[in-house]
C-alpha atoms as a PDB file:
ATOM      1  CA  MET A   1     155.262  76.324  90.528  1.00  0.00           C
ATOM      2  CA  GLN A   2     156.926  75.415  87.110  1.00  0.00           C
ATOM      3  CA  ILE A   3     155.944  77.127  83.817  1.00  0.00           C
ATOM      4  CA  VAL A   4     157.957  78.039  80.919  1.00  0.00           C
ATOM      5  CA  CYS A   5     157.629  81.125  78.597  1.00  0.00           C
ATOM      6  CA  ARG A   6     157.458  80.227  74.999  1.00  0.00           C
ATOM      7  CA  ASN A   7     158.738  83.555  73.653  1.00  0.00           C
ATOM      8  CA  ALA A   8     160.743  86.257  75.450  1.00  0.00           C
ATOM      9  CA  GLU A   9     158.253  89.009  74.028  1.00  0.00           C
ATOM     10  CA  ASP A  10     155.447  87.284  76.124  1.00  0.00           C
ATOM     11  CA  VAL A  11     157.163  88.449  79.259  1.00  0.00           C
ATOM     12  CA  GLU A  12     157.010  91.870  78.140  1.00  0.00           C
ATOM     13  CA  THR A  13     153.538  91.661  77.167  1.00  0.00           C
ATOM     14  CA  LEU A  14     152.640  90.436  80.509  1.00  0.00           C
ATOM     15  CA  LYS A  15     154.398  93.048  82.176  1.00  0.00           C
ATOM     16  CA  LEU A  16     152.634  95.801  80.040  1.00  0.00           C
ATOM     17  CA  ARG A  17     149.164  94.067  80.577  1.00  0.00           C
ATOM     18  CA  ALA A  18     149.778  94.198  84.394  1.00  0.00           C
ATOM     19  CA  SER A  19     150.926  97.792  84.393  1.00  0.00           C
ATOM     20  CA  LYS A  20     147.868  98.974  82.316  1.00  0.00           C
ATOM     21  CA  GLU A  21     145.056  96.434  83.995  1.00  0.00           C
ATOM     22  CA  ILE A  22     142.679  98.489  86.334  1.00  0.00           C
ATOM     23  CA  ASN A  23     141.075  95.197  87.500  1.00  0.00           C
ATOM     24  CA  ALA A  24     143.022  94.321  90.776  1.00  0.00           C
ATOM     25  CA  LYS A  25     142.112  90.690  90.602  1.00  0.00           C
ATOM     26  CA  GLN A  26     143.196  90.341  86.993  1.00  0.00           C
ATOM     27  CA  ARG A  27     146.351  92.472  87.439  1.00  0.00           C
ATOM     28  CA  ASP A  28     147.436  89.768  90.380  1.00  0.00           C
ATOM     29  CA  ARG A  29     146.864  87.103  87.974  1.00  0.00           C
ATOM     30  CA  TYR A  30     149.171  88.632  85.616  1.00  0.00           C
ATOM     31  CA  ARG A  31     151.699  89.393  88.468  1.00  0.00           C
ATOM     32  CA  ALA A  32     151.394  85.446  89.687  1.00  0.00           C
ATOM     33  CA  VAL A  33     152.378  84.415  86.191  1.00  0.00           C
ATOM     34  CA  LYS A  34     155.298  86.681  86.039  1.00  0.00           C
ATOM     35  CA  LEU A  35     156.458  85.502  89.711  1.00  0.00           C
ATOM     36  CA  ALA A  36     156.056  81.857  88.505  1.00  0.00           C
ATOM     37  CA  LEU A  37     158.021  82.563  85.312  1.00  0.00           C
ATOM     38  CA  ASP A  38     160.803  83.950  87.768  1.00  0.00           C
ATOM     39  CA  GLY A  39     160.829  80.776  89.445  1.00  0.00           C
ATOM     40  CA  HIS A  40     158.902  81.603  92.691  1.00  0.00           C
ATOM     41  CA  SER A  41     156.988  78.670  94.507  1.00  0.00           C
ATOM     42  CA  THR A  42     153.320  78.731  94.956  1.00  0.00           C
ATOM     43  CA  GLN A  43     153.618  79.635  98.446  1.00  0.00           C
ATOM     44  CA  GLU A  44     156.277  82.439  97.790  1.00  0.00           C
ATOM     45  CA  ILE A  45     153.546  83.889  95.118  1.00  0.00           C
ATOM     46  CA  MET A  46     150.815  83.661  97.557  1.00  0.00           C
ATOM     47  CA  ARG A  47     152.777  85.459 100.124  1.00  0.00           C
ATOM     48  CA  MET A  48     153.886  88.070  97.860  1.00  0.00           C
ATOM     49  CA  LEU A  49     150.546  88.644  96.432  1.00  0.00           C
ATOM     50  CA  GLY A  50     148.861  88.388  99.899  1.00  0.00           C
ATOM     51  CA  ILE A  51     146.611  85.613  98.513  1.00  0.00           C
ATOM     52  CA  CYS A  52     145.046  83.572 101.326  1.00  0.00           C
ATOM     53  CA  THR A  53     143.758  80.058 101.035  1.00  0.00           C
ATOM     54  CA  VAL A  54     139.944  79.440 101.530  1.00  0.00           C
ATOM     55  CA  GLU A  55     140.555  78.469 105.037  1.00  0.00           C
ATOM     56  CA  ASP A  56     142.079  81.735 105.806  1.00  0.00           C
ATOM     57  CA  TYR A  57     139.282  83.574 104.438  1.00  0.00           C
ATOM     58  CA  VAL A  58     136.750  81.568 106.352  1.00  0.00           C
ATOM     59  CA  GLN A  59     138.803  82.263 109.713  1.00  0.00           C
ATOM     60  CA  LEU A  60     138.447  86.107 108.744  1.00  0.00           C
ATOM     61  CA  VAL A  61     134.929  85.956 108.228  1.00  0.00           C
ATOM     62  CA  ILE A  62     134.319  83.872 111.546  1.00  0.00           C
ATOM     63  CA  ARG A  63     136.390  86.238 113.422  1.00  0.00           C
ATOM     64  CA  GLY A  64     134.948  89.185 111.864  1.00  0.00           C
ATOM     65  CA  CYS A  65     131.248  88.126 112.750  1.00  0.00           C
ATOM     66  CA  GLY A  66     132.237  86.955 116.336  1.00  0.00           C
ATOM     67  CA  MET A  67     131.436  83.420 115.465  1.00  0.00           C
ATOM     68  CA  LEU A  68     133.045  80.402 117.203  1.00  0.00           C
ATOM     69  CA  LYS A  69     135.160  77.843 115.289  1.00  0.00           C
ATOM     70  CA  VAL A  70     133.712  74.309 115.899  1.00  0.00           C
END
């Protein structure tokens, strides 16, 4: 993922917002942007934040409910 920071102060603002955010989803969004700014790939960011794809979530539900995959 390639993003560019327009202003060095934006990175500090991002860190501050992430550290004060109580909503976990929003905090992870801030963290994802920071990781992208640091040059990490989408796959690396997903791994670091424990983000799954929709298919992964579906598989978790299927296994949790005892359903069979067809």
